[in-house]
Amino acid sequence: MTLAGFIGAVCVLLLTPGPTNTLMSIAGASAGMRRVVSLLPAEILGYLLTIVPLTLLGSSLFAAWPQAATAVKFLAGLWIMILALRLWRLPDPESAKGRVTQGQVFITTLLNPKALIFGLVLIPGPPDARFLPYLTVFCSLVISIALLWGFAGRLTQTGAASGQKRLQVFQRAAALWLMFISLSLIARTLTA
């Protein structure tokens, strides 16, 4: 795959609404861009801890144990449902309980189904000379697009006289979206 094709494919996947993007949006809406920036290392680490092992042995692992891929998807679905329920019940977004944490972003990204596509399909394995350059470009794109999602969340609060109410509606909509993603993942694993 050419570098341009790689960048295009990664951007399409990263721009697609998903659980990590939802958390970055909520962080931007509730705590601003400084909070989003503080969450970036957790997102990068989550992706790297999934992608690098997958580029090394992912296809052979999943070929030998197809149930492993199903189990990962099922766990991801359960985690996303837990996030959705927490997001739905968030008390005050300003309180410490209402904050998006690095741990949430890390686990969500670690279990993100998109990481499987990045590690098994898009990023070549370490023997390939393109491995490090593509991984570096990938990390740069993750940072850029996470900031974009955080900024989009922040925009929901612009000019908000009733910012708290608008934030609660935004959080509930995000929770419903995460529930949909979760149920879709779980349903696919149960019918696989």
N, C-alpha and C. Protein backbone atom coordinates (compact mmCIF):
# COMPACT_ATOMS: atom_id res chain seq x y z
N MET A 1 0.85 -1.17 0.00
CA MET A 1 0.00 0.00 0.00
C MET A 1 0.90 1.24 0.00
N THR A 2 0.54 2.21 -0.85
CA THR A 2 1.31 3.44 -0.89
C THR A 2 1.06 4.26 0.37
N LEU A 3 1.95 5.21 0.63
CA LEU A 3 1.79 6.07 1.80
C LEU A 3 0.49 6.87 1.71
N ALA A 4 0.18 7.38 0.53
CA ALA A 4 -1.07 8.15 0.36
C ALA A 4 -2.29 7.27 0.63
N GLY A 5 -2.27 6.05 0.13
CA GLY A 5 -3.37 5.12 0.38
C GLY A 5 -3.50 4.78 1.85
N PHE A 6 -2.35 4.60 2.50
CA PHE A 6 -2.32 4.31 3.93
C PHE A 6 -2.92 5.47 4.72
N ILE A 7 -2.48 6.69 4.43
CA ILE A 7 -2.99 7.87 5.14
C ILE A 7 -4.49 8.00 4.94
N GLY A 8 -4.96 7.81 3.72
CA GLY A 8 -6.39 7.89 3.45
C GLY A 8 -7.19 6.86 4.23
N ALA A 9 -6.71 5.62 4.23
CA ALA A 9 -7.42 4.55 4.93
C ALA A 9 -7.45 4.79 6.44
N VAL A 10 -6.31 5.21 6.99
CA VAL A 10 -6.24 5.48 8.43
C VAL A 10 -7.17 6.64 8.80
N CYS A 11 -7.15 7.70 7.99
CA CYS A 11 -8.01 8.86 8.28
C CYS A 11 -9.49 8.48 8.25
N VAL A 12 -9.89 7.70 7.26
CA VAL A 12 -11.29 7.28 7.18
C VAL A 12 -11.68 6.52 8.44
N LEU A 13 -10.84 5.58 8.86
CA LEU A 13 -11.15 4.80 10.07
C LEU A 13 -11.16 5.67 11.33
N LEU A 14 -10.15 6.54 11.46
CA LEU A 14 -10.07 7.36 12.67
C LEU A 14 -11.17 8.42 12.74
N LEU A 15 -11.64 8.88 11.60
CA LEU A 15 -12.71 9.88 11.59
C LEU A 15 -14.08 9.27 11.82
N THR A 16 -14.19 7.95 11.65
CA THR A 16 -15.46 7.27 11.89
C THR A 16 -15.79 7.32 13.38
N PRO A 17 -17.01 7.74 13.72
CA PRO A 17 -17.36 7.80 15.15
C PRO A 17 -17.23 6.43 15.81
N GLY A 18 -16.58 6.41 16.93
CA GLY A 18 -16.39 5.18 17.69
C GLY A 18 -16.22 5.50 19.16
N PRO A 19 -15.92 4.51 19.97
CA PRO A 19 -15.85 4.71 21.41
C PRO A 19 -14.74 5.67 21.86
N THR A 20 -13.54 5.53 21.30
CA THR A 20 -12.46 6.42 21.71
C THR A 20 -12.76 7.85 21.28
N ASN A 21 -13.24 8.02 20.05
CA ASN A 21 -13.60 9.35 19.56
C ASN A 21 -14.68 9.98 20.43
N THR A 22 -15.63 9.17 20.86
CA THR A 22 -16.70 9.68 21.71
C THR A 22 -16.13 10.19 23.03
N LEU A 23 -15.20 9.44 23.62
CA LEU A 23 -14.58 9.89 24.87
C LEU A 23 -13.81 11.19 24.66
N MET A 24 -13.10 11.31 23.55
CA MET A 24 -12.35 12.55 23.29
C MET A 24 -13.31 13.73 23.10
N SER A 25 -14.42 13.50 22.44
CA SER A 25 -15.43 14.56 22.27
C SER A 25 -16.00 14.99 23.61
N ILE A 26 -16.34 14.02 24.44
CA ILE A 26 -16.89 14.32 25.76
C ILE A 26 -15.85 15.07 26.60
N ALA A 27 -14.59 14.65 26.52
CA ALA A 27 -13.53 15.35 27.26
C ALA A 27 -13.42 16.80 26.79
N GLY A 28 -13.48 17.01 25.48
CA GLY A 28 -13.42 18.37 24.95
C GLY A 28 -14.60 19.21 25.38
N ALA A 29 -15.79 18.60 25.36
CA ALA A 29 -17.00 19.33 25.75
C ALA A 29 -17.03 19.65 27.23
N SER A 30 -16.59 18.72 28.05
CA SER A 30 -16.73 18.90 29.49
C SER A 30 -15.54 19.59 30.15
N ALA A 31 -14.34 19.40 29.60
CA ALA A 31 -13.16 19.92 30.30
C ALA A 31 -12.21 20.72 29.41
N GLY A 32 -12.49 20.83 28.13
CA GLY A 32 -11.65 21.64 27.26
C GLY A 32 -10.50 20.88 26.62
N MET A 33 -9.79 21.60 25.77
CA MET A 33 -8.73 20.99 24.98
C MET A 33 -7.52 20.57 25.81
N ARG A 34 -7.27 21.24 26.91
CA ARG A 34 -6.15 20.84 27.76
C ARG A 34 -6.36 19.40 28.24
N ARG A 35 -7.60 19.07 28.59
CA ARG A 35 -7.91 17.71 29.04
C ARG A 35 -7.72 16.72 27.89
N VAL A 36 -8.16 17.09 26.69
CA VAL A 36 -8.00 16.22 25.53
C VAL A 36 -6.52 15.93 25.30
N VAL A 37 -5.69 16.96 25.37
CA VAL A 37 -4.24 16.79 25.17
C VAL A 37 -3.67 15.83 26.22
N SER A 38 -4.16 15.93 27.45
CA SER A 38 -3.64 15.04 28.51
C SER A 38 -4.05 13.58 28.30
N LEU A 39 -5.07 13.34 27.48
CA LEU A 39 -5.53 11.98 27.21
C LEU A 39 -4.81 11.33 26.02
N LEU A 40 -4.11 12.13 25.24
CA LEU A 40 -3.45 11.61 24.03
C LEU A 40 -2.46 10.47 24.30
N PRO A 41 -1.61 10.56 25.33
CA PRO A 41 -0.69 9.43 25.57
C PRO A 41 -1.43 8.11 25.84
N ALA A 42 -2.56 8.18 26.52
CA ALA A 42 -3.33 6.96 26.80
C ALA A 42 -3.87 6.36 25.51
N GLU A 43 -4.33 7.21 24.59
CA GLU A 43 -4.84 6.70 23.31
C GLU A 43 -3.72 6.09 22.48
N ILE A 44 -2.60 6.79 22.38
CA ILE A 44 -1.46 6.26 21.61
C ILE A 44 -0.99 4.93 22.19
N LEU A 45 -0.82 4.88 23.51
CA LEU A 45 -0.36 3.65 24.16
C LEU A 45 -1.34 2.50 23.94
N GLY A 46 -2.63 2.79 24.04
CA GLY A 46 -3.65 1.76 23.80
C GLY A 46 -3.55 1.18 22.40
N TYR A 47 -3.41 2.07 21.41
CA TYR A 47 -3.27 1.59 20.03
C TYR A 47 -1.98 0.79 19.86
N LEU A 48 -0.86 1.32 20.36
CA LEU A 48 0.42 0.64 20.15
C LEU A 48 0.46 -0.73 20.81
N LEU A 49 -0.12 -0.85 22.00
CA LEU A 49 -0.10 -2.15 22.69
C LEU A 49 -0.99 -3.19 22.01
N THR A 50 -1.87 -2.75 21.15
CA THR A 50 -2.66 -3.70 20.36
C THR A 50 -2.02 -3.92 18.99
N ILE A 51 -1.63 -2.84 18.34
CA ILE A 51 -1.16 -2.91 16.95
C ILE A 51 0.18 -3.62 16.81
N VAL A 52 1.16 -3.27 17.63
CA VAL A 52 2.50 -3.85 17.46
C VAL A 52 2.48 -5.37 17.60
N PRO A 53 1.87 -5.94 18.65
CA PRO A 53 1.81 -7.41 18.70
C PRO A 53 1.04 -8.01 17.51
N LEU A 54 -0.01 -7.32 17.07
CA LEU A 54 -0.76 -7.85 15.92
C LEU A 54 0.08 -7.87 14.66
N THR A 55 0.91 -6.85 14.46
CA THR A 55 1.77 -6.85 13.26
C THR A 55 2.81 -7.96 13.34
N LEU A 56 3.19 -8.34 14.56
CA LEU A 56 4.18 -9.40 14.73
C LEU A 56 3.59 -10.79 14.54
N LEU A 57 2.45 -11.06 15.17
CA LEU A 57 1.92 -12.43 15.13
C LEU A 57 0.41 -12.53 15.03
N GLY A 58 -0.25 -11.43 14.78
CA GLY A 58 -1.71 -11.42 14.76
C GLY A 58 -2.37 -12.39 13.82
N SER A 59 -1.97 -12.36 12.54
CA SER A 59 -2.68 -13.23 11.60
C SER A 59 -2.48 -14.69 11.91
N SER A 60 -1.27 -15.07 12.33
CA SER A 60 -1.05 -16.49 12.66
C SER A 60 -1.78 -16.86 13.94
N LEU A 61 -1.85 -15.95 14.91
CA LEU A 61 -2.56 -16.21 16.16
C LEU A 61 -4.05 -16.42 15.90
N PHE A 62 -4.65 -15.51 15.13
CA PHE A 62 -6.09 -15.62 14.87
C PHE A 62 -6.41 -16.78 13.92
N ALA A 63 -5.44 -17.17 13.08
CA ALA A 63 -5.67 -18.34 12.23
C ALA A 63 -5.66 -19.60 13.08
N ALA A 64 -4.75 -19.66 14.05
CA ALA A 64 -4.66 -20.83 14.93
C ALA A 64 -5.82 -20.87 15.93
N TRP A 65 -6.21 -19.70 16.43
CA TRP A 65 -7.30 -19.61 17.41
C TRP A 65 -8.32 -18.57 16.99
N PRO A 66 -9.22 -18.92 16.08
CA PRO A 66 -10.21 -17.93 15.62
C PRO A 66 -11.10 -17.42 16.76
N GLN A 67 -11.21 -18.22 17.82
CA GLN A 67 -12.03 -17.80 18.96
C GLN A 67 -11.40 -16.60 19.67
N ALA A 68 -10.10 -16.41 19.52
CA ALA A 68 -9.43 -15.27 20.17
C ALA A 68 -9.97 -13.95 19.63
N ALA A 69 -10.16 -13.86 18.32
CA ALA A 69 -10.71 -12.63 17.73
C ALA A 69 -12.13 -12.39 18.22
N THR A 70 -12.91 -13.47 18.30
CA THR A 70 -14.28 -13.35 18.80
C THR A 70 -14.29 -12.90 20.26
N ALA A 71 -13.40 -13.45 21.06
CA ALA A 71 -13.33 -13.08 22.47
C ALA A 71 -12.94 -11.61 22.64
N VAL A 72 -11.99 -11.14 21.83
CA VAL A 72 -11.57 -9.73 21.90
C VAL A 72 -12.74 -8.82 21.54
N LYS A 73 -13.47 -9.17 20.50
CA LYS A 73 -14.63 -8.35 20.10
C LYS A 73 -15.71 -8.36 21.17
N PHE A 74 -15.94 -9.51 21.78
CA PHE A 74 -16.95 -9.61 22.84
C PHE A 74 -16.55 -8.74 24.04
N LEU A 75 -15.28 -8.83 24.46
CA LEU A 75 -14.79 -8.00 25.57
C LEU A 75 -14.89 -6.52 25.24
N ALA A 76 -14.57 -6.18 24.00
CA ALA A 76 -14.69 -4.78 23.58
C ALA A 76 -16.15 -4.32 23.68
N GLY A 77 -17.06 -5.17 23.25
CA GLY A 77 -18.49 -4.83 23.34
C GLY A 77 -18.94 -4.62 24.77
N LEU A 78 -18.49 -5.49 25.67
CA LEU A 78 -18.85 -5.34 27.10
C LEU A 78 -18.28 -4.05 27.68
N TRP A 79 -17.02 -3.77 27.37
CA TRP A 79 -16.39 -2.56 27.90
C TRP A 79 -17.12 -1.30 27.40
N ILE A 80 -17.46 -1.30 26.12
CA ILE A 80 -18.14 -0.14 25.55
C ILE A 80 -19.51 0.04 26.20
N MET A 81 -20.20 -1.06 26.52
CA MET A 81 -21.49 -0.95 27.21
C MET A 81 -21.31 -0.35 28.61
N ILE A 82 -20.27 -0.77 29.30
CA ILE A 82 -19.98 -0.20 30.63
C ILE A 82 -19.75 1.31 30.50
N LEU A 83 -18.96 1.71 29.49
CA LEU A 83 -18.72 3.14 29.27
C LEU A 83 -20.02 3.88 28.98
N ALA A 84 -20.86 3.29 28.14
CA ALA A 84 -22.13 3.93 27.78
C ALA A 84 -23.00 4.14 29.01
N LEU A 85 -23.09 3.12 29.85
CA LEU A 85 -23.91 3.24 31.06
C LEU A 85 -23.34 4.28 32.01
N ARG A 86 -22.02 4.32 32.14
CA ARG A 86 -21.39 5.34 33.00
C ARG A 86 -21.65 6.74 32.44
N LEU A 87 -21.53 6.87 31.14
CA LEU A 87 -21.73 8.16 30.50
C LEU A 87 -23.18 8.63 30.67
N TRP A 88 -24.12 7.71 30.55
CA TRP A 88 -25.54 8.05 30.71
C TRP A 88 -25.82 8.57 32.11
N ARG A 89 -25.16 7.96 33.10
CA ARG A 89 -25.44 8.30 34.49
C ARG A 89 -24.49 9.34 35.08
N LEU A 90 -23.66 9.95 34.26
CA LEU A 90 -22.70 10.92 34.80
C LEU A 90 -23.42 11.97 35.62
N PRO A 91 -22.86 12.27 36.79
CA PRO A 91 -23.49 13.30 37.61
C PRO A 91 -23.22 14.68 37.02
N ASP A 92 -22.33 15.39 37.58
CA ASP A 92 -21.96 16.72 37.13
C ASP A 92 -20.66 16.60 36.35
N PRO A 93 -20.67 17.02 35.06
CA PRO A 93 -19.45 16.90 34.26
C PRO A 93 -18.26 17.63 34.87
N GLU A 94 -18.52 18.62 35.71
CA GLU A 94 -17.44 19.36 36.34
C GLU A 94 -16.79 18.57 37.48
N SER A 95 -17.51 17.61 38.04
CA SER A 95 -16.97 16.87 39.18
C SER A 95 -15.94 15.86 38.70
N ALA A 96 -15.13 15.38 39.62
CA ALA A 96 -14.11 14.38 39.26
C ALA A 96 -14.75 13.12 38.73
N LYS A 97 -15.95 12.78 39.22
CA LYS A 97 -16.64 11.58 38.75
C LYS A 97 -17.06 11.71 37.29
N GLY A 98 -17.29 12.93 36.84
CA GLY A 98 -17.76 13.15 35.48
C GLY A 98 -16.66 13.29 34.45
N ARG A 99 -15.41 13.15 34.86
CA ARG A 99 -14.28 13.33 33.95
C ARG A 99 -13.97 12.07 33.16
N VAL A 100 -13.56 12.28 31.94
CA VAL A 100 -13.04 11.17 31.14
C VAL A 100 -11.61 10.95 31.62
N THR A 101 -11.30 9.71 31.99
CA THR A 101 -9.98 9.42 32.56
C THR A 101 -9.04 8.80 31.53
N GLN A 102 -7.76 8.86 31.85
CA GLN A 102 -6.76 8.22 30.99
C GLN A 102 -6.99 6.71 30.94
N GLY A 103 -7.37 6.14 32.06
CA GLY A 103 -7.64 4.70 32.10
C GLY A 103 -8.78 4.31 31.17
N GLN A 104 -9.84 5.11 31.15
CA GLN A 104 -10.97 4.82 30.25
C GLN A 104 -10.52 4.90 28.79
N VAL A 105 -9.77 5.94 28.46
CA VAL A 105 -9.30 6.09 27.08
C VAL A 105 -8.35 4.94 26.72
N PHE A 106 -7.46 4.57 27.62
CA PHE A 106 -6.50 3.50 27.36
C PHE A 106 -7.22 2.17 27.09
N ILE A 107 -8.09 1.75 28.01
CA ILE A 107 -8.79 0.46 27.86
C ILE A 107 -9.68 0.47 26.62
N THR A 108 -10.38 1.58 26.41
CA THR A 108 -11.27 1.68 25.25
C THR A 108 -10.48 1.56 23.96
N THR A 109 -9.33 2.21 23.88
CA THR A 109 -8.50 2.15 22.67
C THR A 109 -7.86 0.77 22.52
N LEU A 110 -7.41 0.21 23.62
CA LEU A 110 -6.81 -1.13 23.61
C LEU A 110 -7.78 -2.16 23.03
N LEU A 111 -9.06 -2.01 23.37
CA LEU A 111 -10.08 -2.96 22.91
C LEU A 111 -10.82 -2.49 21.65
N ASN A 112 -10.40 -1.37 21.09
CA ASN A 112 -11.09 -0.80 19.93
C ASN A 112 -10.94 -1.72 18.71
N PRO A 113 -12.05 -2.13 18.12
CA PRO A 113 -11.97 -3.00 16.94
C PRO A 113 -11.18 -2.40 15.78
N LYS A 114 -11.11 -1.08 15.72
CA LYS A 114 -10.32 -0.45 14.65
C LYS A 114 -8.85 -0.85 14.76
N ALA A 115 -8.37 -1.06 15.98
CA ALA A 115 -6.96 -1.44 16.17
C ALA A 115 -6.65 -2.76 15.47
N LEU A 116 -7.64 -3.66 15.42
CA LEU A 116 -7.45 -4.93 14.71
C LEU A 116 -7.18 -4.68 13.23
N ILE A 117 -7.92 -3.75 12.64
CA ILE A 117 -7.75 -3.43 11.22
C ILE A 117 -6.38 -2.80 11.00
N PHE A 118 -6.01 -1.87 11.89
CA PHE A 118 -4.70 -1.23 11.75
C PHE A 118 -3.58 -2.26 11.85
N GLY A 119 -3.65 -3.13 12.85
CA GLY A 119 -2.58 -4.09 13.11
C GLY A 119 -2.54 -5.27 12.16
N LEU A 120 -3.70 -5.71 11.69
CA LEU A 120 -3.73 -6.90 10.83
C LEU A 120 -3.73 -6.57 9.34
N VAL A 121 -4.17 -5.36 8.98
CA VAL A 121 -4.36 -5.06 7.56
C VAL A 121 -3.50 -3.89 7.08
N LEU A 122 -3.52 -2.78 7.79
CA LEU A 122 -2.94 -1.55 7.24
C LEU A 122 -1.45 -1.34 7.53
N ILE A 123 -1.00 -1.67 8.73
CA ILE A 123 0.40 -1.41 9.08
C ILE A 123 1.21 -2.68 8.81
N PRO A 124 2.25 -2.55 7.96
CA PRO A 124 3.07 -3.74 7.66
C PRO A 124 3.85 -4.19 8.89
N GLY A 125 4.21 -5.46 8.93
CA GLY A 125 4.97 -6.01 10.06
C GLY A 125 6.39 -5.47 10.13
N PRO A 126 7.05 -5.64 11.27
CA PRO A 126 8.40 -5.11 11.49
C PRO A 126 9.46 -5.50 10.46
N PRO A 127 9.40 -6.68 9.84
CA PRO A 127 10.44 -6.95 8.84
C PRO A 127 10.37 -5.98 7.65
N ASP A 128 9.20 -5.42 7.39
CA ASP A 128 9.01 -4.50 6.27
C ASP A 128 9.64 -3.15 6.62
N ALA A 129 10.38 -2.58 5.67
CA ALA A 129 11.05 -1.29 5.91
C ALA A 129 10.05 -0.16 6.17
N ARG A 130 8.81 -0.34 5.77
CA ARG A 130 7.79 0.71 5.98
C ARG A 130 7.20 0.69 7.39
N PHE A 131 7.53 -0.33 8.19
CA PHE A 131 6.90 -0.47 9.51
C PHE A 131 7.03 0.79 10.37
N LEU A 132 8.26 1.22 10.66
CA LEU A 132 8.45 2.40 11.53
C LEU A 132 7.92 3.69 10.92
N PRO A 133 8.19 3.96 9.63
CA PRO A 133 7.61 5.19 9.06
C PRO A 133 6.07 5.18 9.09
N TYR A 134 5.46 4.05 8.77
CA TYR A 134 3.99 3.99 8.78
C TYR A 134 3.45 4.09 10.21
N LEU A 135 4.14 3.49 11.15
CA LEU A 135 3.71 3.57 12.55
C LEU A 135 3.82 5.01 13.06
N THR A 136 4.86 5.71 12.64
CA THR A 136 5.04 7.12 13.02
C THR A 136 3.94 7.98 12.41
N VAL A 137 3.65 7.77 11.15
CA VAL A 137 2.56 8.51 10.49
C VAL A 137 1.24 8.19 11.18
N PHE A 138 1.03 6.93 11.51
CA PHE A 138 -0.20 6.52 12.20
C PHE A 138 -0.35 7.29 13.52
N CYS A 139 0.71 7.33 14.32
CA CYS A 139 0.64 8.03 15.61
C CYS A 139 0.35 9.52 15.42
N SER A 140 0.95 10.12 14.40
CA SER A 140 0.67 11.53 14.10
C SER A 140 -0.79 11.74 13.72
N LEU A 141 -1.33 10.83 12.94
CA LEU A 141 -2.74 10.93 12.55
C LEU A 141 -3.67 10.73 13.75
N VAL A 142 -3.33 9.80 14.63
CA VAL A 142 -4.13 9.57 15.84
C VAL A 142 -4.20 10.85 16.65
N ILE A 143 -3.06 11.49 16.86
CA ILE A 143 -3.02 12.73 17.64
C ILE A 143 -3.86 13.82 16.97
N SER A 144 -3.65 14.01 15.67
CA SER A 144 -4.38 15.06 14.94
C SER A 144 -5.88 14.85 14.99
N ILE A 145 -6.30 13.63 14.75
CA ILE A 145 -7.74 13.36 14.67
C ILE A 145 -8.37 13.34 16.06
N ALA A 146 -7.64 12.91 17.07
CA ALA A 146 -8.16 12.98 18.45
C ALA A 146 -8.37 14.44 18.85
N LEU A 147 -7.44 15.30 18.47
CA LEU A 147 -7.61 16.73 18.75
C LEU A 147 -8.82 17.29 18.01
N LEU A 148 -9.02 16.83 16.80
CA LEU A 148 -10.19 17.26 16.03
C LEU A 148 -11.49 16.84 16.72
N TRP A 149 -11.54 15.60 17.22
CA TRP A 149 -12.73 15.12 17.94
C TRP A 149 -12.94 15.91 19.23
N GLY A 150 -11.84 16.20 19.93
CA GLY A 150 -11.95 17.00 21.15
C GLY A 150 -12.46 18.40 20.86
N PHE A 151 -11.95 18.98 19.77
CA PHE A 151 -12.39 20.32 19.37
C PHE A 151 -13.87 20.31 18.98
N ALA A 152 -14.29 19.26 18.29
CA ALA A 152 -15.72 19.15 17.93
C ALA A 152 -16.58 19.10 19.19
N GLY A 153 -16.12 18.36 20.19
CA GLY A 153 -16.85 18.33 21.46
C GLY A 153 -16.88 19.69 22.11
N ARG A 154 -15.75 20.39 22.06
CA ARG A 154 -15.67 21.73 22.66
C ARG A 154 -16.64 22.69 21.97
N LEU A 155 -16.78 22.55 20.65
CA LEU A 155 -17.69 23.42 19.91
C LEU A 155 -19.14 23.29 20.37
N THR A 156 -19.49 22.14 20.92
CA THR A 156 -20.88 21.98 21.39
C THR A 156 -21.18 22.91 22.55
N GLN A 157 -20.15 23.44 23.17
CA GLN A 157 -20.34 24.34 24.32
C GLN A 157 -20.18 25.81 23.96
N THR A 158 -19.84 26.12 22.71
CA THR A 158 -19.63 27.49 22.30
C THR A 158 -20.92 28.29 22.44
N GLY A 159 -20.81 29.43 23.08
CA GLY A 159 -21.96 30.31 23.25
C GLY A 159 -23.06 29.70 24.08
N ALA A 160 -22.71 28.76 24.91
CA ALA A 160 -23.73 28.03 25.66
C ALA A 160 -24.09 28.76 26.94
N ALA A 161 -25.22 29.42 26.92
CA ALA A 161 -25.72 30.02 28.16
C ALA A 161 -26.17 28.89 29.08
N SER A 162 -26.72 27.86 28.48
CA SER A 162 -27.14 26.69 29.25
C SER A 162 -26.21 25.53 28.91
N GLY A 163 -24.90 25.77 29.04
CA GLY A 163 -23.89 24.78 28.67
C GLY A 163 -24.04 23.46 29.37
N GLN A 164 -24.40 23.46 30.65
CA GLN A 164 -24.55 22.21 31.39
C GLN A 164 -25.66 21.36 30.78
N LYS A 165 -26.77 21.97 30.44
CA LYS A 165 -27.89 21.21 29.85
C LYS A 165 -27.48 20.66 28.49
N ARG A 166 -26.83 21.49 27.70
CA ARG A 166 -26.38 21.05 26.37
C ARG A 166 -25.38 19.91 26.51
N LEU A 167 -24.48 20.01 27.49
CA LEU A 167 -23.50 18.96 27.72
C LEU A 167 -24.19 17.66 28.13
N GLN A 168 -25.20 17.75 28.96
CA GLN A 168 -25.92 16.54 29.38
C GLN A 168 -26.60 15.87 28.18
N VAL A 169 -27.19 16.67 27.30
CA VAL A 169 -27.82 16.12 26.08
C VAL A 169 -26.74 15.46 25.21
N PHE A 170 -25.60 16.13 25.08
CA PHE A 170 -24.49 15.59 24.29
C PHE A 170 -24.00 14.26 24.88
N GLN A 171 -23.87 14.21 26.20
CA GLN A 171 -23.43 12.98 26.87
C GLN A 171 -24.44 11.86 26.67
N ARG A 172 -25.71 12.17 26.75
CA ARG A 172 -26.74 11.14 26.56
C ARG A 172 -26.72 10.63 25.12
N ALA A 173 -26.57 11.53 24.17
CA ALA A 173 -26.50 11.11 22.76
C ALA A 173 -25.27 10.22 22.54
N ALA A 174 -24.15 10.62 23.13
CA ALA A 174 -22.93 9.81 23.02
C ALA A 174 -23.12 8.45 23.67
N ALA A 175 -23.81 8.41 24.81
CA ALA A 175 -24.07 7.14 25.50
C ALA A 175 -24.92 6.22 24.62
N LEU A 176 -25.94 6.79 23.98
CA LEU A 176 -26.78 5.98 23.08
C LEU A 176 -25.96 5.43 21.92
N TRP A 177 -25.08 6.26 21.37
CA TRP A 177 -24.22 5.81 20.27
C TRP A 177 -23.32 4.66 20.73
N LEU A 178 -22.71 4.80 21.91
CA LEU A 178 -21.85 3.74 22.44
C LEU A 178 -22.65 2.46 22.70
N MET A 179 -23.89 2.59 23.18
CA MET A 179 -24.73 1.40 23.39
C MET A 179 -24.98 0.68 22.07
N PHE A 180 -25.24 1.46 21.02
CA PHE A 180 -25.45 0.88 19.69
C PHE A 180 -24.20 0.12 19.23
N ILE A 181 -23.03 0.74 19.37
CA ILE A 181 -21.77 0.09 18.98
C ILE A 181 -21.58 -1.19 19.79
N SER A 182 -21.81 -1.10 21.09
CA SER A 182 -21.63 -2.24 21.98
C SER A 182 -22.54 -3.40 21.59
N LEU A 183 -23.81 -3.11 21.43
CA LEU A 183 -24.76 -4.17 21.08
C LEU A 183 -24.44 -4.78 19.72
N SER A 184 -23.98 -3.96 18.78
CA SER A 184 -23.59 -4.48 17.46
C SER A 184 -22.42 -5.45 17.58
N LEU A 185 -21.41 -5.06 18.36
CA LEU A 185 -20.24 -5.94 18.55
C LEU A 185 -20.63 -7.25 19.23
N ILE A 186 -21.41 -7.13 20.31
CA ILE A 186 -21.81 -8.33 21.05
C ILE A 186 -22.67 -9.24 20.17
N ALA A 187 -23.59 -8.66 19.43
CA ALA A 187 -24.46 -9.46 18.55
C ALA A 187 -23.63 -10.19 17.50
N ARG A 188 -22.63 -9.51 16.92
CA ARG A 188 -21.79 -10.16 15.92
C ARG A 188 -21.00 -11.32 16.50
N THR A 189 -20.55 -11.18 17.75
CA THR A 189 -19.78 -12.28 18.34
C THR A 189 -20.68 -13.46 18.69
N LEU A 190 -21.92 -13.17 19.05
CA LEU A 190 -22.83 -14.26 19.42
C LEU A 190 -23.34 -15.02 18.19
N THR A 191 -23.32 -14.36 17.03
CA THR A 191 -23.79 -15.03 15.81
C THR A 191 -22.63 -15.57 14.98
N ALA A 192 -21.40 -15.34 15.45
CA ALA A 192 -20.22 -15.80 14.69
C ALA A 192 -20.00 -17.29 14.85
